[in-house]
Amino acid sequence: MKLFIYPALTDINVLSCPVERNASSLNLLIAEVLIVNPKVTRFCKVEIQDSNKFEAVYLAKFRWERSEEERIRKEEEERRKAEAEGGEEN
């Protein structure tokens, strides 16, 4: 989001704009914002609570775990492919 080129922002309101209207959940949107800028104190007229911060941490952890699983899966596929190609050369 271009919004985060201003790191000092702490109070953001995007009510009734496409970002807010297309979000599946306000809590999820708040978590997404907090991952990028944890200094936000209000978002869409909602005061940021500890529960919002925990949701952001868990969302970031979930995404990291999924990306690690994907990375490991791709590395395993590449290793198997290299072994298969190496076995064909012999």
PDB file of N, CA and C in Angstrom:
ATOM      1  N   MET A   1       0.827  -1.179   0.000  1.00  0.00           N
ATOM      2  CA  MET A   1       0.000   0.000   0.000  1.00  0.00           C
ATOM      3  C   MET A   1       0.872   1.243   0.000  1.00  0.00           C
ATOM      4  N   LYS A   2       0.490   2.195  -0.799  1.00  0.00           N
ATOM      5  CA  LYS A   2       1.215   3.456  -0.842  1.00  0.00           C
ATOM      6  C   LYS A   2       1.065   4.226   0.462  1.00  0.00           C
ATOM      7  N   LEU A   3       0.065   3.877   1.207  1.00  0.00           N
ATOM      8  CA  LEU A   3      -0.206   4.526   2.474  1.00  0.00           C
ATOM      9  C   LEU A   3       0.990   4.448   3.420  1.00  0.00           C
ATOM     10  N   PHE A   4       1.762   3.397   3.315  1.00  0.00           N
ATOM     11  CA  PHE A   4       2.836   3.163   4.273  1.00  0.00           C
ATOM     12  C   PHE A   4       4.169   3.773   3.866  1.00  0.00           C
ATOM     13  N   ILE A   5       4.147   4.679   2.884  1.00  0.00           N
ATOM     14  CA  ILE A   5       5.373   5.427   2.592  1.00  0.00           C
ATOM     15  C   ILE A   5       5.564   6.520   3.646  1.00  0.00           C
ATOM     16  N   TYR A   6       4.544   6.701   4.491  1.00  0.00           N
ATOM     17  CA  TYR A   6       4.600   7.663   5.587  1.00  0.00           C
ATOM     18  C   TYR A   6       4.652   6.875   6.901  1.00  0.00           C
ATOM     19  N   PRO A   7       5.835   6.522   7.370  1.00  0.00           N
ATOM     20  CA  PRO A   7       5.947   5.648   8.549  1.00  0.00           C
ATOM     21  C   PRO A   7       5.451   6.275   9.847  1.00  0.00           C
ATOM     22  N   ALA A   8       5.274   7.586   9.892  1.00  0.00           N
ATOM     23  CA  ALA A   8       4.838   8.244  11.125  1.00  0.00           C
ATOM     24  C   ALA A   8       3.323   8.168  11.323  1.00  0.00           C
ATOM     25  N   LEU A   9       2.578   7.667  10.353  1.00  0.00           N
ATOM     26  CA  LEU A   9       1.127   7.576  10.503  1.00  0.00           C
ATOM     27  C   LEU A   9       0.763   6.654  11.657  1.00  0.00           C
ATOM     28  N   THR A  10      -0.108   7.131  12.512  1.00  0.00           N
ATOM     29  CA  THR A  10      -0.573   6.302  13.623  1.00  0.00           C
ATOM     30  C   THR A  10      -2.092   6.212  13.666  1.00  0.00           C
ATOM     31  N   ASP A  11      -2.796   7.075  12.940  1.00  0.00           N
ATOM     32  CA  ASP A  11      -4.260   7.084  12.923  1.00  0.00           C
ATOM     33  C   ASP A  11      -4.698   7.082  11.461  1.00  0.00           C
ATOM     34  N   ILE A  12      -5.250   5.969  11.009  1.00  0.00           N
ATOM     35  CA  ILE A  12      -5.602   5.807   9.601  1.00  0.00           C
ATOM     36  C   ILE A  12      -7.091   5.518   9.502  1.00  0.00           C
ATOM     37  N   ASN A  13      -7.764   6.195   8.576  1.00  0.00           N
ATOM     38  CA  ASN A  13      -9.186   5.957   8.362  1.00  0.00           C
ATOM     39  C   ASN A  13      -9.409   5.701   6.881  1.00  0.00           C
ATOM     40  N   VAL A  14      -9.837   4.492   6.546  1.00  0.00           N
ATOM     41  CA  VAL A  14     -10.134   4.138   5.158  1.00  0.00           C
ATOM     42  C   VAL A  14     -11.569   3.633   5.032  1.00  0.00           C
ATOM     43  N   LEU A  15     -12.444   4.118   5.908  1.00  0.00           N
ATOM     44  CA  LEU A  15     -13.847   3.711   5.855  1.00  0.00           C
ATOM     45  C   LEU A  15     -14.460   4.082   4.512  1.00  0.00           C
ATOM     46  N   SER A  16     -15.256   3.189   3.982  1.00  0.00           N
ATOM     47  CA  SER A  16     -16.005   3.380   2.735  1.00  0.00           C
ATOM     48  C   SER A  16     -15.117   3.576   1.522  1.00  0.00           C
ATOM     49  N   CYS A  17     -13.910   3.082   1.571  1.00  0.00           N
ATOM     50  CA  CYS A  17     -13.078   3.088   0.377  1.00  0.00           C
ATOM     51  C   CYS A  17     -12.906   1.624  -0.057  1.00  0.00           C
ATOM     52  N   PRO A  18     -12.450   1.369  -1.268  1.00  0.00           N
ATOM     53  CA  PRO A  18     -12.356  -0.018  -1.753  1.00  0.00           C
ATOM     54  C   PRO A  18     -11.520  -0.938  -0.864  1.00  0.00           C
ATOM     55  N   VAL A  19     -10.511  -0.409  -0.213  1.00  0.00           N
ATOM     56  CA  VAL A  19      -9.680  -1.239   0.664  1.00  0.00           C
ATOM     57  C   VAL A  19     -10.520  -1.812   1.793  1.00  0.00           C
ATOM     58  N   GLU A  20     -11.297  -0.971   2.409  1.00  0.00           N
ATOM     59  CA  GLU A  20     -12.121  -1.402   3.538  1.00  0.00           C
ATOM     60  C   GLU A  20     -13.318  -2.223   3.071  1.00  0.00           C
ATOM     61  N   ARG A  21     -13.958  -1.823   1.979  1.00  0.00           N
ATOM     62  CA  ARG A  21     -15.145  -2.540   1.494  1.00  0.00           C
ATOM     63  C   ARG A  21     -14.816  -3.925   0.969  1.00  0.00           C
ATOM     64  N   ASN A  22     -13.621  -4.128   0.433  1.00  0.00           N
ATOM     65  CA  ASN A  22     -13.248  -5.429  -0.121  1.00  0.00           C
ATOM     66  C   ASN A  22     -12.631  -6.373   0.908  1.00  0.00           C
ATOM     67  N   ALA A  23     -12.432  -5.900   2.113  1.00  0.00           N
ATOM     68  CA  ALA A  23     -11.842  -6.738   3.163  1.00  0.00           C
ATOM     69  C   ALA A  23     -12.896  -7.723   3.670  1.00  0.00           C
ATOM     70  N   SER A  24     -12.462  -8.944   3.914  1.00  0.00           N
ATOM     71  CA  SER A  24     -13.392  -9.953   4.421  1.00  0.00           C
ATOM     72  C   SER A  24     -13.725  -9.724   5.892  1.00  0.00           C
ATOM     73  N   SER A  25     -12.824  -9.082   6.609  1.00  0.00           N
ATOM     74  CA  SER A  25     -13.026  -8.837   8.034  1.00  0.00           C
ATOM     75  C   SER A  25     -12.218  -7.619   8.440  1.00  0.00           C
ATOM     76  N   LEU A  26     -12.812  -6.784   9.271  1.00  0.00           N
ATOM     77  CA  LEU A  26     -12.076  -5.610   9.747  1.00  0.00           C
ATOM     78  C   LEU A  26     -10.893  -6.040  10.606  1.00  0.00           C
ATOM     79  N   ASN A  27     -11.071  -7.093  11.407  1.00  0.00           N
ATOM     80  CA  ASN A  27      -9.961  -7.578  12.234  1.00  0.00           C
ATOM     81  C   ASN A  27      -8.797  -8.051  11.374  1.00  0.00           C
ATOM     82  N   LEU A  28      -9.098  -8.728  10.287  1.00  0.00           N
ATOM     83  CA  LEU A  28      -8.042  -9.184   9.380  1.00  0.00           C
ATOM     84  C   LEU A  28      -7.347  -7.995   8.735  1.00  0.00           C
ATOM     85  N   LEU A  29      -8.109  -7.001   8.332  1.00  0.00           N
ATOM     86  CA  LEU A  29      -7.529  -5.799   7.731  1.00  0.00           C
ATOM     87  C   LEU A  29      -6.641  -5.074   8.736  1.00  0.00           C
ATOM     88  N   ILE A  30      -7.090  -4.981   9.971  1.00  0.00           N
ATOM     89  CA  ILE A  30      -6.279  -4.352  11.013  1.00  0.00           C
ATOM     90  C   ILE A  30      -4.986  -5.136  11.220  1.00  0.00           C
ATOM     91  N   ALA A  31      -5.076  -6.461  11.238  1.00  0.00           N
ATOM     92  CA  ALA A  31      -3.876  -7.289  11.394  1.00  0.00           C
ATOM     93  C   ALA A  31      -2.908  -7.051  10.245  1.00  0.00           C
ATOM     94  N   GLU A  32      -3.444  -6.960   9.019  1.00  0.00           N
ATOM     95  CA  GLU A  32      -2.590  -6.702   7.847  1.00  0.00           C
ATOM     96  C   GLU A  32      -1.861  -5.365   8.006  1.00  0.00           C
ATOM     97  N   VAL A  33      -2.574  -4.363   8.464  1.00  0.00           N
ATOM     98  CA  VAL A  33      -1.981  -3.035   8.643  1.00  0.00           C
ATOM     99  C   VAL A  33      -0.915  -3.077   9.732  1.00  0.00           C
ATOM    100  N   LEU A  34      -1.218  -3.760  10.832  1.00  0.00           N
ATOM    101  CA  LEU A  34      -0.257  -3.821  11.940  1.00  0.00           C
ATOM    102  C   LEU A  34       1.002  -4.597  11.576  1.00  0.00           C
ATOM    103  N   ILE A  35       0.896  -5.553  10.673  1.00  0.00           N
ATOM    104  CA  ILE A  35       2.095  -6.277  10.219  1.00  0.00           C
ATOM    105  C   ILE A  35       3.038  -5.293   9.527  1.00  0.00           C
ATOM    106  N   VAL A  36       2.474  -4.415   8.720  1.00  0.00           N
ATOM    107  CA  VAL A  36       3.288  -3.457   7.971  1.00  0.00           C
ATOM    108  C   VAL A  36       3.736  -2.289   8.847  1.00  0.00           C
ATOM    109  N   ASN A  37       2.833  -1.809   9.711  1.00  0.00           N
ATOM    110  CA  ASN A  37       3.151  -0.658  10.556  1.00  0.00           C
ATOM    111  C   ASN A  37       2.604  -0.884  11.959  1.00  0.00           C
ATOM    112  N   PRO A  38       3.381  -1.477  12.847  1.00  0.00           N
ATOM    113  CA  PRO A  38       2.891  -1.765  14.199  1.00  0.00           C
ATOM    114  C   PRO A  38       2.687  -0.528  15.071  1.00  0.00           C
ATOM    115  N   LYS A  39       3.048   0.650  14.583  1.00  0.00           N
ATOM    116  CA  LYS A  39       2.886   1.872  15.368  1.00  0.00           C
ATOM    117  C   LYS A  39       1.477   2.464  15.255  1.00  0.00           C
ATOM    118  N   VAL A  40       0.642   1.903  14.392  1.00  0.00           N
ATOM    119  CA  VAL A  40      -0.716   2.416  14.227  1.00  0.00           C
ATOM    120  C   VAL A  40      -1.476   2.252  15.539  1.00  0.00           C
ATOM    121  N   THR A  41      -2.138   3.321  15.978  1.00  0.00           N
ATOM    122  CA  THR A  41      -2.900   3.284  17.232  1.00  0.00           C
ATOM    123  C   THR A  41      -4.409   3.271  16.999  1.00  0.00           C
ATOM    124  N   ARG A  42      -4.855   3.778  15.843  1.00  0.00           N
ATOM    125  CA  ARG A  42      -6.273   3.732  15.459  1.00  0.00           C
ATOM    126  C   ARG A  42      -6.369   3.410  13.986  1.00  0.00           C
ATOM    127  N   PHE A  43      -7.348   2.590  13.652  1.00  0.00           N
ATOM    128  CA  PHE A  43      -7.572   2.240  12.244  1.00  0.00           C
ATOM    129  C   PHE A  43      -9.075   2.193  12.010  1.00  0.00           C
ATOM    130  N   CYS A  44      -9.540   2.958  11.056  1.00  0.00           N
ATOM    131  CA  CYS A  44     -10.980   3.046  10.750  1.00  0.00           C
ATOM    132  C   CYS A  44     -11.794   3.348  12.002  1.00  0.00           C
ATOM    133  N   LYS A  45     -11.335   4.308  12.759  1.00  0.00           N
ATOM    134  CA  LYS A  45     -11.990   4.774  13.980  1.00  0.00           C
ATOM    135  C   LYS A  45     -12.060   3.718  15.085  1.00  0.00           C
ATOM    136  N   VAL A  46     -11.248   2.676  14.976  1.00  0.00           N
ATOM    137  CA  VAL A  46     -11.184   1.630  15.995  1.00  0.00           C
ATOM    138  C   VAL A  46      -9.835   1.736  16.701  1.00  0.00           C
ATOM    139  N   GLU A  47      -9.873   1.857  18.027  1.00  0.00           N
ATOM    140  CA  GLU A  47      -8.632   1.883  18.801  1.00  0.00           C
ATOM    141  C   GLU A  47      -7.980   0.507  18.732  1.00  0.00           C
ATOM    142  N   ILE A  48      -6.691   0.483  18.482  1.00  0.00           N
ATOM    143  CA  ILE A  48      -5.956  -0.778  18.401  1.00  0.00           C
ATOM    144  C   ILE A  48      -5.784  -1.328  19.818  1.00  0.00           C
ATOM    145  N   GLN A  49      -6.210  -2.556  20.003  1.00  0.00           N
ATOM    146  CA  GLN A  49      -6.119  -3.239  21.292  1.00  0.00           C
ATOM    147  C   GLN A  49      -5.011  -4.287  21.237  1.00  0.00           C
ATOM    148  N   ASP A  50      -4.665  -4.834  22.389  1.00  0.00           N
ATOM    149  CA  ASP A  50      -3.674  -5.905  22.426  1.00  0.00           C
ATOM    150  C   ASP A  50      -4.136  -7.101  21.602  1.00  0.00           C
ATOM    151  N   SER A  51      -5.436  -7.362  21.597  1.00  0.00           N
ATOM    152  CA  SER A  51      -5.949  -8.498  20.818  1.00  0.00           C
ATOM    153  C   SER A  51      -5.666  -8.309  19.330  1.00  0.00           C
ATOM    154  N   ASN A  52      -5.757  -7.069  18.841  1.00  0.00           N
ATOM    155  CA  ASN A  52      -5.428  -6.800  17.442  1.00  0.00           C
ATOM    156  C   ASN A  52      -3.953  -7.061  17.166  1.00  0.00           C
ATOM    157  N   LYS A  53      -3.114  -6.697  18.117  1.00  0.00           N
ATOM    158  CA  LYS A  53      -1.676  -6.916  17.958  1.00  0.00           C
ATOM    159  C   LYS A  53      -1.350  -8.409  17.962  1.00  0.00           C
ATOM    160  N   PHE A  54      -2.030  -9.166  18.840  1.00  0.00           N
ATOM    161  CA  PHE A  54      -1.827 -10.615  18.855  1.00  0.00           C
ATOM    162  C   PHE A  54      -2.274 -11.241  17.534  1.00  0.00           C
ATOM    163  N   GLU A  55      -3.407 -10.797  17.007  1.00  0.00           N
ATOM    164  CA  GLU A  55      -3.882 -11.310  15.722  1.00  0.00           C
ATOM    165  C   GLU A  55      -2.865 -11.033  14.622  1.00  0.00           C
ATOM    166  N   ALA A  56      -2.253  -9.860  14.652  1.00  0.00           N
ATOM    167  CA  ALA A  56      -1.241  -9.520  13.649  1.00  0.00           C
ATOM    168  C   ALA A  56      -0.026 -10.430  13.774  1.00  0.00           C
ATOM    169  N   VAL A  57       0.387 -10.689  15.013  1.00  0.00           N
ATOM    170  CA  VAL A  57       1.541 -11.577  15.231  1.00  0.00           C
ATOM    171  C   VAL A  57       1.232 -12.979  14.722  1.00  0.00           C
ATOM    172  N   TYR A  58       0.056 -13.489  15.055  1.00  0.00           N
ATOM    173  CA  TYR A  58      -0.306 -14.839  14.622  1.00  0.00           C
ATOM    174  C   TYR A  58      -0.490 -14.918  13.110  1.00  0.00           C
ATOM    175  N   LEU A  59      -1.028 -13.866  12.497  1.00  0.00           N
ATOM    176  CA  LEU A  59      -1.166 -13.846  11.046  1.00  0.00           C
ATOM    177  C   LEU A  59       0.203 -13.856  10.381  1.00  0.00           C
ATOM    178  N   ALA A  60       1.120 -13.046  10.889  1.00  0.00           N
ATOM    179  CA  ALA A  60       2.473 -13.017  10.329  1.00  0.00           C
ATOM    180  C   ALA A  60       3.163 -14.369  10.508  1.00  0.00           C
ATOM    181  N   LYS A  61       2.982 -14.978  11.674  1.00  0.00           N
ATOM    182  CA  LYS A  61       3.574 -16.296  11.931  1.00  0.00           C
ATOM    183  C   LYS A  61       2.974 -17.339  11.000  1.00  0.00           C
ATOM    184  N   PHE A  62       1.654 -17.315  10.820  1.00  0.00           N
ATOM    185  CA  PHE A  62       0.981 -18.254   9.925  1.00  0.00           C
ATOM    186  C   PHE A  62       1.509 -18.122   8.502  1.00  0.00           C
ATOM    187  N   ARG A  63       1.626 -16.899   8.029  1.00  0.00           N
ATOM    188  CA  ARG A  63       2.136 -16.678   6.662  1.00  0.00           C
ATOM    189  C   ARG A  63       3.587 -17.142   6.526  1.00  0.00           C
ATOM    190  N   TRP A  64       4.387 -16.877   7.551  1.00  0.00           N
ATOM    191  CA  TRP A  64       5.789 -17.307   7.501  1.00  0.00           C
ATOM    192  C   TRP A  64       5.873 -18.826   7.457  1.00  0.00           C
ATOM    193  N   GLU A  65       5.077 -19.507   8.292  1.00  0.00           N
ATOM    194  CA  GLU A  65       5.092 -20.975   8.300  1.00  0.00           C
ATOM    195  C   GLU A  65       4.659 -21.531   6.953  1.00  0.00           C
ATOM    196  N   ARG A  66       3.647 -20.947   6.341  1.00  0.00           N
ATOM    197  CA  ARG A  66       3.211 -21.413   5.019  1.00  0.00           C
ATOM    198  C   ARG A  66       4.282 -21.187   3.972  1.00  0.00           C
ATOM    199  N   SER A  67       4.961 -20.043   4.032  1.00  0.00           N
ATOM    200  CA  SER A  67       6.013 -19.780   3.047  1.00  0.00           C
ATOM    201  C   SER A  67       7.194 -20.726   3.261  1.00  0.00           C
ATOM    202  N   GLU A  68       7.503 -21.048   4.514  1.00  0.00           N
ATOM    203  CA  GLU A  68       8.580 -22.008   4.797  1.00  0.00           C
ATOM    204  C   GLU A  68       8.220 -23.398   4.298  1.00  0.00           C
ATOM    205  N   GLU A  69       6.974 -23.813   4.501  1.00  0.00           N
ATOM    206  CA  GLU A  69       6.532 -25.113   3.993  1.00  0.00           C
ATOM    207  C   GLU A  69       6.662 -25.161   2.477  1.00  0.00           C
ATOM    208  N   GLU A  70       6.276 -24.091   1.812  1.00  0.00           N
ATOM    209  CA  GLU A  70       6.364 -24.014   0.359  1.00  0.00           C
ATOM    210  C   GLU A  70       7.831 -24.038  -0.088  1.00  0.00           C
ATOM    211  N   ARG A  71       8.683 -23.286   0.612  1.00  0.00           N
ATOM    212  CA  ARG A  71      10.108 -23.271   0.268  1.00  0.00           C
ATOM    213  C   ARG A  71      10.717 -24.663   0.423  1.00  0.00           C
ATOM    214  N   ILE A  72      10.407 -25.332   1.513  1.00  0.00           N
ATOM    215  CA  ILE A  72      10.942 -26.675   1.759  1.00  0.00           C
ATOM    216  C   ILE A  72      10.438 -27.646   0.704  1.00  0.00           C
ATOM    217  N   ARG A  73       9.156 -27.534   0.344  1.00  0.00           N
ATOM    218  CA  ARG A  73       8.589 -28.404  -0.690  1.00  0.00           C
ATOM    219  C   ARG A  73       9.295 -28.193  -2.029  1.00  0.00           C
ATOM    220  N   LYS A  74       9.525 -26.936  -2.397  1.00  0.00           N
ATOM    221  CA  LYS A  74      10.216 -26.650  -3.663  1.00  0.00           C
ATOM    222  C   LYS A  74      11.651 -27.156  -3.639  1.00  0.00           C
ATOM    223  N   GLU A  75      12.346 -26.968  -2.515  1.00  0.00           N
ATOM    224  CA  GLU A  75      13.719 -27.465  -2.407  1.00  0.00           C
ATOM    225  C   GLU A  75      13.753 -28.984  -2.541  1.00  0.00           C
ATOM    226  N   GLU A  76      12.792 -29.660  -1.938  1.00  0.00           N
ATOM    227  CA  GLU A  76      12.717 -31.113  -2.025  1.00  0.00           C
ATOM    228  C   GLU A  76      12.465 -31.559  -3.463  1.00  0.00           C
ATOM    229  N   GLU A  77      11.569 -30.862  -4.160  1.00  0.00           N
ATOM    230  CA  GLU A  77      11.312 -31.181  -5.562  1.00  0.00           C
ATOM    231  C   GLU A  77      12.564 -30.972  -6.411  1.00  0.00           C
ATOM    232  N   GLU A  78      13.272 -29.880  -6.183  1.00  0.00           N
ATOM    233  CA  GLU A  78      14.496 -29.608  -6.938  1.00  0.00           C
ATOM    234  C   GLU A  78      15.561 -30.658  -6.642  1.00  0.00           C
ATOM    235  N   ARG A  79      15.661 -31.073  -5.371  1.00  0.00           N
ATOM    236  CA  ARG A  79      16.631 -32.102  -5.007  1.00  0.00           C
ATOM    237  C   ARG A  79      16.306 -33.413  -5.698  1.00  0.00           C
ATOM    238  N   ARG A  80      15.036 -33.796  -5.696  1.00  0.00           N
ATOM    239  CA  ARG A  80      14.631 -35.035  -6.372  1.00  0.00           C
ATOM    240  C   ARG A  80      14.876 -34.956  -7.871  1.00  0.00           C
ATOM    241  N   LYS A  81      14.598 -33.803  -8.456  1.00  0.00           N
ATOM    242  CA  LYS A  81      14.815 -33.623  -9.888  1.00  0.00           C
ATOM    243  C   LYS A  81      16.308 -33.720 -10.211  1.00  0.00           C
ATOM    244  N   ALA A  82      17.148 -33.109  -9.359  1.00  0.00           N
ATOM    245  CA  ALA A  82      18.598 -33.163  -9.576  1.00  0.00           C
ATOM    246  C   ALA A  82      19.106 -34.600  -9.429  1.00  0.00           C
ATOM    247  N   GLU A  83      18.575 -35.318  -8.442  1.00  0.00           N
ATOM    248  CA  GLU A  83      18.974 -36.730  -8.261  1.00  0.00           C
ATOM    249  C   GLU A  83      18.547 -37.569  -9.460  1.00  0.00           C
ATOM    250  N   ALA A  84      17.339 -37.318  -9.983  1.00  0.00           N
ATOM    251  CA  ALA A  84      16.863 -38.071 -11.132  1.00  0.00           C
ATOM    252  C   ALA A  84      17.707 -37.768 -12.370  1.00  0.00           C
ATOM    253  N   GLU A  85      18.048 -36.520 -12.574  1.00  0.00           N
ATOM    254  CA  GLU A  85      18.896 -36.147 -13.708  1.00  0.00           C
ATOM    255  C   GLU A  85      20.299 -36.689 -13.535  1.00  0.00           C
ATOM    256  N   GLY A  86      20.802 -36.685 -12.314  1.00  0.00           N
ATOM    257  CA  GLY A  86      22.130 -37.232 -12.037  1.00  0.00           C
ATOM    258  C   GLY A  86      22.156 -38.734 -12.259  1.00  0.00           C
ATOM    259  N   GLY A  87      21.070 -39.422 -11.923  1.00  0.00           N
ATOM    260  CA  GLY A  87      20.985 -40.878 -12.118  1.00  0.00           C
ATOM    261  C   GLY A  87      20.903 -41.240 -13.593  1.00  0.00           C
ATOM    262  N   GLU A  88      20.298 -40.386 -14.409  1.00  0.00           N
ATOM    263  CA  GLU A  88      20.176 -40.653 -15.852  1.00  0.00           C
ATOM    264  C   GLU A  88      21.513 -40.509 -16.549  1.00  0.00           C
ATOM    265  N   GLU A  89      22.373 -39.615 -16.048  1.00  0.00           N
ATOM    266  CA  GLU A  89      23.676 -39.399 -16.686  1.00  0.00           C
ATOM    267  C   GLU A  89      24.602 -40.571 -16.483  1.00  0.00           C
ATOM    268  N   ASN A  90      24.472 -41.313 -15.400  1.00  0.00           N
ATOM    269  CA  ASN A  90      25.382 -42.422 -15.104  1.00  0.00           C
ATOM    270  C   ASN A  90      25.021 -43.632 -15.867  1.00  0.00           C
TER     271      ASN A  90
END
